[in-house]
Amino acid sequence: MAKRNSPKDIKTVDDLNHLEEIIKDKRKGKRTDAKKNRRDRHYEKQFIKIALKEKIFEDSE
């Protein structure tokens, strides 16, 4: 089973544009209803929020 991703996997601003490729969902295919899809979107948003909080944008410039 794949490990859960860490926000530390995002190194540059360009990585935020490719979240679908970076995030490996070990439950893919099991989440089918709307509530579970919201959970997936929330998980992706967490990566963006943490990236902004840690200011990775300054590091990449």
PDB file of N, CA and C in Angstrom:
ATOM      1  N   MET A   1       0.841  -1.166   0.000  1.00  0.00           N
ATOM      2  CA  MET A   1       0.000   0.000   0.000  1.00  0.00           C
ATOM      3  C   MET A   1       0.895   1.241   0.000  1.00  0.00           C
ATOM      4  N   ALA A   2       0.539   2.233  -0.776  1.00  0.00           N
ATOM      5  CA  ALA A   2       1.329   3.448  -0.894  1.00  0.00           C
ATOM      6  C   ALA A   2       1.270   4.264   0.391  1.00  0.00           C
ATOM      7  N   LYS A   3       2.359   4.963   0.654  1.00  0.00           N
ATOM      8  CA  LYS A   3       2.394   5.838   1.817  1.00  0.00           C
ATOM      9  C   LYS A   3       1.584   7.097   1.540  1.00  0.00           C
ATOM     10  N   ARG A   4       1.116   7.709   2.601  1.00  0.00           N
ATOM     11  CA  ARG A   4       0.427   8.981   2.465  1.00  0.00           C
ATOM     12  C   ARG A   4       1.463  10.050   2.142  1.00  0.00           C
ATOM     13  N   ASN A   5       1.095  10.988   1.304  1.00  0.00           N
ATOM     14  CA  ASN A   5       2.019  12.033   0.899  1.00  0.00           C
ATOM     15  C   ASN A   5       2.199  13.067   1.997  1.00  0.00           C
ATOM     16  N   SER A   6       3.311  13.739   1.933  1.00  0.00           N
ATOM     17  CA  SER A   6       3.627  14.793   2.877  1.00  0.00           C
ATOM     18  C   SER A   6       3.668  16.122   2.138  1.00  0.00           C
ATOM     19  N   PRO A   7       3.252  17.195   2.788  1.00  0.00           N
ATOM     20  CA  PRO A   7       3.389  18.517   2.154  1.00  0.00           C
ATOM     21  C   PRO A   7       4.839  18.859   1.842  1.00  0.00           C
ATOM     22  N   LYS A   8       5.774  18.175   2.451  1.00  0.00           N
ATOM     23  CA  LYS A   8       7.192  18.404   2.164  1.00  0.00           C
ATOM     24  C   LYS A   8       7.564  17.908   0.775  1.00  0.00           C
ATOM     25  N   ASP A   9       6.669  17.140   0.136  1.00  0.00           N
ATOM     26  CA  ASP A   9       6.915  16.677  -1.228  1.00  0.00           C
ATOM     27  C   ASP A   9       6.856  17.821  -2.230  1.00  0.00           C
ATOM     28  N   ILE A  10       6.265  18.926  -1.841  1.00  0.00           N
ATOM     29  CA  ILE A  10       6.146  20.087  -2.720  1.00  0.00           C
ATOM     30  C   ILE A  10       7.370  20.961  -2.503  1.00  0.00           C
ATOM     31  N   LYS A  11       8.176  21.074  -3.536  1.00  0.00           N
ATOM     32  CA  LYS A  11       9.436  21.811  -3.431  1.00  0.00           C
ATOM     33  C   LYS A  11       9.368  23.188  -4.083  1.00  0.00           C
ATOM     34  N   THR A  12       8.606  23.321  -5.180  1.00  0.00           N
ATOM     35  CA  THR A  12       8.545  24.584  -5.913  1.00  0.00           C
ATOM     36  C   THR A  12       7.102  24.956  -6.199  1.00  0.00           C
ATOM     37  N   VAL A  13       6.927  26.158  -6.718  1.00  0.00           N
ATOM     38  CA  VAL A  13       5.599  26.641  -7.073  1.00  0.00           C
ATOM     39  C   VAL A  13       5.001  25.785  -8.185  1.00  0.00           C
ATOM     40  N   ASP A  14       5.818  25.331  -9.103  1.00  0.00           N
ATOM     41  CA  ASP A  14       5.329  24.510 -10.211  1.00  0.00           C
ATOM     42  C   ASP A  14       4.720  23.202  -9.725  1.00  0.00           C
ATOM     43  N   ASP A  15       5.182  22.715  -8.602  1.00  0.00           N
ATOM     44  CA  ASP A  15       4.627  21.478  -8.052  1.00  0.00           C
ATOM     45  C   ASP A  15       3.157  21.633  -7.680  1.00  0.00           C
ATOM     46  N   LEU A  16       2.746  22.853  -7.326  1.00  0.00           N
ATOM     47  CA  LEU A  16       1.345  23.082  -6.971  1.00  0.00           C
ATOM     48  C   LEU A  16       0.433  22.902  -8.177  1.00  0.00           C
ATOM     49  N   ASN A  17       0.965  23.113  -9.369  1.00  0.00           N
ATOM     50  CA  ASN A  17       0.177  22.919 -10.585  1.00  0.00           C
ATOM     51  C   ASN A  17       0.027  21.446 -10.945  1.00  0.00           C
ATOM     52  N   HIS A  18       0.823  20.592 -10.339  1.00  0.00           N
ATOM     53  CA  HIS A  18       0.822  19.169 -10.666  1.00  0.00           C
ATOM     54  C   HIS A  18       0.480  18.307  -9.457  1.00  0.00           C
ATOM     55  N   LEU A  19      -0.462  18.763  -8.649  1.00  0.00           N
ATOM     56  CA  LEU A  19      -0.815  18.017  -7.439  1.00  0.00           C
ATOM     57  C   LEU A  19      -1.353  16.633  -7.755  1.00  0.00           C
ATOM     58  N   GLU A  20      -2.093  16.515  -8.857  1.00  0.00           N
ATOM     59  CA  GLU A  20      -2.665  15.213  -9.208  1.00  0.00           C
ATOM     60  C   GLU A  20      -1.577  14.175  -9.444  1.00  0.00           C
ATOM     61  N   GLU A  21      -0.434  14.624  -9.965  1.00  0.00           N
ATOM     62  CA  GLU A  21       0.669  13.706 -10.232  1.00  0.00           C
ATOM     63  C   GLU A  21       1.483  13.414  -8.972  1.00  0.00           C
ATOM     64  N   ILE A  22       1.566  14.390  -8.083  1.00  0.00           N
ATOM     65  CA  ILE A  22       2.378  14.241  -6.873  1.00  0.00           C
ATOM     66  C   ILE A  22       1.668  13.401  -5.823  1.00  0.00           C
ATOM     67  N   ILE A  23       0.380  13.672  -5.635  1.00  0.00           N
ATOM     68  CA  ILE A  23      -0.375  12.988  -4.589  1.00  0.00           C
ATOM     69  C   ILE A  23      -0.747  11.592  -5.054  1.00  0.00           C
ATOM     70  N   LYS A  24      -0.358  10.616  -4.273  1.00  0.00           N
ATOM     71  CA  LYS A  24      -0.709   9.228  -4.560  1.00  0.00           C
ATOM     72  C   LYS A  24      -1.764   8.808  -3.551  1.00  0.00           C
ATOM     73  N   ASP A  25      -2.975   8.604  -4.028  1.00  0.00           N
ATOM     74  CA  ASP A  25      -4.084   8.261  -3.146  1.00  0.00           C
ATOM     75  C   ASP A  25      -4.178   6.752  -3.017  1.00  0.00           C
ATOM     76  N   LYS A  26      -3.918   6.251  -1.833  1.00  0.00           N
ATOM     77  CA  LYS A  26      -3.963   4.806  -1.630  1.00  0.00           C
ATOM     78  C   LYS A  26      -5.389   4.276  -1.608  1.00  0.00           C
ATOM     79  N   ARG A  27      -6.365   5.170  -1.549  1.00  0.00           N
ATOM     80  CA  ARG A  27      -7.768   4.746  -1.533  1.00  0.00           C
ATOM     81  C   ARG A  27      -8.477   5.046  -2.858  1.00  0.00           C
ATOM     82  N   LYS A  28      -7.719   5.308  -3.892  1.00  0.00           N
ATOM     83  CA  LYS A  28      -8.317   5.665  -5.179  1.00  0.00           C
ATOM     84  C   LYS A  28      -9.261   4.563  -5.642  1.00  0.00           C
ATOM     85  N   GLY A  29     -10.423   4.959  -6.069  1.00  0.00           N
ATOM     86  CA  GLY A  29     -11.415   4.002  -6.519  1.00  0.00           C
ATOM     87  C   GLY A  29     -12.369   3.579  -5.422  1.00  0.00           C
ATOM     88  N   LYS A  30     -11.977   3.748  -4.184  1.00  0.00           N
ATOM     89  CA  LYS A  30     -12.855   3.378  -3.078  1.00  0.00           C
ATOM     90  C   LYS A  30     -13.773   4.527  -2.680  1.00  0.00           C
ATOM     91  N   ARG A  31     -13.349   5.741  -2.966  1.00  0.00           N
ATOM     92  CA  ARG A  31     -14.162   6.908  -2.631  1.00  0.00           C
ATOM     93  C   ARG A  31     -15.031   7.249  -3.830  1.00  0.00           C
ATOM     94  N   THR A  32     -16.294   6.965  -3.717  1.00  0.00           N
ATOM     95  CA  THR A  32     -17.152   7.170  -4.874  1.00  0.00           C
ATOM     96  C   THR A  32     -18.246   8.194  -4.646  1.00  0.00           C
ATOM     97  N   ASP A  33     -18.664   8.417  -3.423  1.00  0.00           N
ATOM     98  CA  ASP A  33     -19.765   9.350  -3.227  1.00  0.00           C
ATOM     99  C   ASP A  33     -19.249  10.779  -3.029  1.00  0.00           C
ATOM    100  N   ALA A  34     -20.170  11.733  -3.032  1.00  0.00           N
ATOM    101  CA  ALA A  34     -19.820  13.149  -2.989  1.00  0.00           C
ATOM    102  C   ALA A  34     -19.069  13.519  -1.716  1.00  0.00           C
ATOM    103  N   LYS A  35     -19.474  12.954  -0.603  1.00  0.00           N
ATOM    104  CA  LYS A  35     -18.819  13.276   0.668  1.00  0.00           C
ATOM    105  C   LYS A  35     -17.347  12.879   0.644  1.00  0.00           C
ATOM    106  N   LYS A  36     -17.082  11.735   0.100  1.00  0.00           N
ATOM    107  CA  LYS A  36     -15.706  11.257   0.045  1.00  0.00           C
ATOM    108  C   LYS A  36     -14.883  12.037  -0.979  1.00  0.00           C
ATOM    109  N   ASN A  37     -15.522  12.494  -2.054  1.00  0.00           N
ATOM    110  CA  ASN A  37     -14.816  13.320  -3.028  1.00  0.00           C
ATOM    111  C   ASN A  37     -14.433  14.664  -2.419  1.00  0.00           C
ATOM    112  N   ARG A  38     -15.289  15.200  -1.549  1.00  0.00           N
ATOM    113  CA  ARG A  38     -14.951  16.434  -0.844  1.00  0.00           C
ATOM    114  C   ARG A  38     -13.714  16.234   0.019  1.00  0.00           C
ATOM    115  N   ARG A  39     -13.606  15.074   0.629  1.00  0.00           N
ATOM    116  CA  ARG A  39     -12.430  14.757   1.447  1.00  0.00           C
ATOM    117  C   ARG A  39     -11.168  14.776   0.586  1.00  0.00           C
ATOM    118  N   ASP A  40     -11.258  14.254  -0.625  1.00  0.00           N
ATOM    119  CA  ASP A  40     -10.111  14.275  -1.530  1.00  0.00           C
ATOM    120  C   ASP A  40      -9.708  15.707  -1.873  1.00  0.00           C
ATOM    121  N   ARG A  41     -10.695  16.539  -2.173  1.00  0.00           N
ATOM    122  CA  ARG A  41     -10.396  17.930  -2.510  1.00  0.00           C
ATOM    123  C   ARG A  41      -9.795  18.657  -1.312  1.00  0.00           C
ATOM    124  N   HIS A  42     -10.306  18.357  -0.129  1.00  0.00           N
ATOM    125  CA  HIS A  42      -9.766  18.968   1.090  1.00  0.00           C
ATOM    126  C   HIS A  42      -8.293  18.581   1.267  1.00  0.00           C
ATOM    127  N   TYR A  43      -7.972  17.353   0.984  1.00  0.00           N
ATOM    128  CA  TYR A  43      -6.600  16.857   1.103  1.00  0.00           C
ATOM    129  C   TYR A  43      -5.663  17.634   0.175  1.00  0.00           C
ATOM    130  N   GLU A  44      -6.109  17.900  -1.054  1.00  0.00           N
ATOM    131  CA  GLU A  44      -5.299  18.675  -1.987  1.00  0.00           C
ATOM    132  C   GLU A  44      -5.159  20.116  -1.526  1.00  0.00           C
ATOM    133  N   LYS A  45      -6.236  20.681  -0.987  1.00  0.00           N
ATOM    134  CA  LYS A  45      -6.181  22.060  -0.502  1.00  0.00           C
ATOM    135  C   LYS A  45      -5.208  22.200   0.660  1.00  0.00           C
ATOM    136  N   GLN A  46      -5.101  21.166   1.480  1.00  0.00           N
ATOM    137  CA  GLN A  46      -4.167  21.200   2.601  1.00  0.00           C
ATOM    138  C   GLN A  46      -2.731  21.379   2.106  1.00  0.00           C
ATOM    139  N   PHE A  47      -2.387  20.741   1.001  1.00  0.00           N
ATOM    140  CA  PHE A  47      -1.047  20.891   0.442  1.00  0.00           C
ATOM    141  C   PHE A  47      -0.793  22.342   0.055  1.00  0.00           C
ATOM    142  N   ILE A  48      -1.783  22.978  -0.552  1.00  0.00           N
ATOM    143  CA  ILE A  48      -1.629  24.366  -0.977  1.00  0.00           C
ATOM    144  C   ILE A  48      -1.508  25.286   0.228  1.00  0.00           C
ATOM    145  N   LYS A  49      -2.359  25.093   1.232  1.00  0.00           N
ATOM    146  CA  LYS A  49      -2.318  25.946   2.426  1.00  0.00           C
ATOM    147  C   LYS A  49      -0.979  25.845   3.142  1.00  0.00           C
ATOM    148  N   ILE A  50      -0.478  24.653   3.287  1.00  0.00           N
ATOM    149  CA  ILE A  50       0.795  24.463   3.984  1.00  0.00           C
ATOM    150  C   ILE A  50       1.934  25.071   3.181  1.00  0.00           C
ATOM    151  N   ALA A  51       1.865  24.956   1.859  1.00  0.00           N
ATOM    152  CA  ALA A  51       2.900  25.543   1.015  1.00  0.00           C
ATOM    153  C   ALA A  51       2.919  27.061   1.177  1.00  0.00           C
ATOM    154  N   LEU A  52       1.742  27.672   1.246  1.00  0.00           N
ATOM    155  CA  LEU A  52       1.677  29.116   1.445  1.00  0.00           C
ATOM    156  C   LEU A  52       2.171  29.501   2.836  1.00  0.00           C
ATOM    157  N   LYS A  53       1.810  28.716   3.811  1.00  0.00           N
ATOM    158  CA  LYS A  53       2.214  29.000   5.188  1.00  0.00           C
ATOM    159  C   LYS A  53       3.729  28.918   5.354  1.00  0.00           C
ATOM    160  N   GLU A  54       4.342  27.940   4.726  1.00  0.00           N
ATOM    161  CA  GLU A  54       5.792  27.767   4.834  1.00  0.00           C
ATOM    162  C   GLU A  54       6.560  28.641   3.856  1.00  0.00           C
ATOM    163  N   LYS A  55       5.821  29.355   3.011  1.00  0.00           N
ATOM    164  CA  LYS A  55       6.412  30.305   2.064  1.00  0.00           C
ATOM    165  C   LYS A  55       7.453  29.661   1.163  1.00  0.00           C
ATOM    166  N   ILE A  56       7.086  28.567   0.542  1.00  0.00           N
ATOM    167  CA  ILE A  56       8.025  27.926  -0.386  1.00  0.00           C
ATOM    168  C   ILE A  56       8.248  28.796  -1.611  1.00  0.00           C
ATOM    169  N   PHE A  57       7.348  29.778  -1.800  1.00  0.00           N
ATOM    170  CA  PHE A  57       7.492  30.652  -2.949  1.00  0.00           C
ATOM    171  C   PHE A  57       8.771  31.476  -2.850  1.00  0.00           C
ATOM    172  N   GLU A  58       9.135  31.889  -1.664  1.00  0.00           N
ATOM    173  CA  GLU A  58      10.355  32.667  -1.487  1.00  0.00           C
ATOM    174  C   GLU A  58      11.590  31.816  -1.747  1.00  0.00           C
ATOM    175  N   ASP A  59      11.525  30.550  -1.400  1.00  0.00           N
ATOM    176  CA  ASP A  59      12.662  29.655  -1.596  1.00  0.00           C
ATOM    177  C   ASP A  59      12.939  29.373  -3.066  1.00  0.00           C
ATOM    178  N   SER A  60      11.894  29.390  -3.885  1.00  0.00           N
ATOM    179  CA  SER A  60      12.066  29.018  -5.285  1.00  0.00           C
ATOM    180  C   SER A  60      12.536  30.179  -6.149  1.00  0.00           C
ATOM    181  N   GLU A  61      12.529  31.381  -5.631  1.00  0.00           N
ATOM    182  CA  GLU A  61      12.930  32.546  -6.430  1.00  0.00           C
ATOM    183  C   GLU A  61      14.398  32.826  -6.359  1.00  0.00           C
TER     184      GLU A  61
END
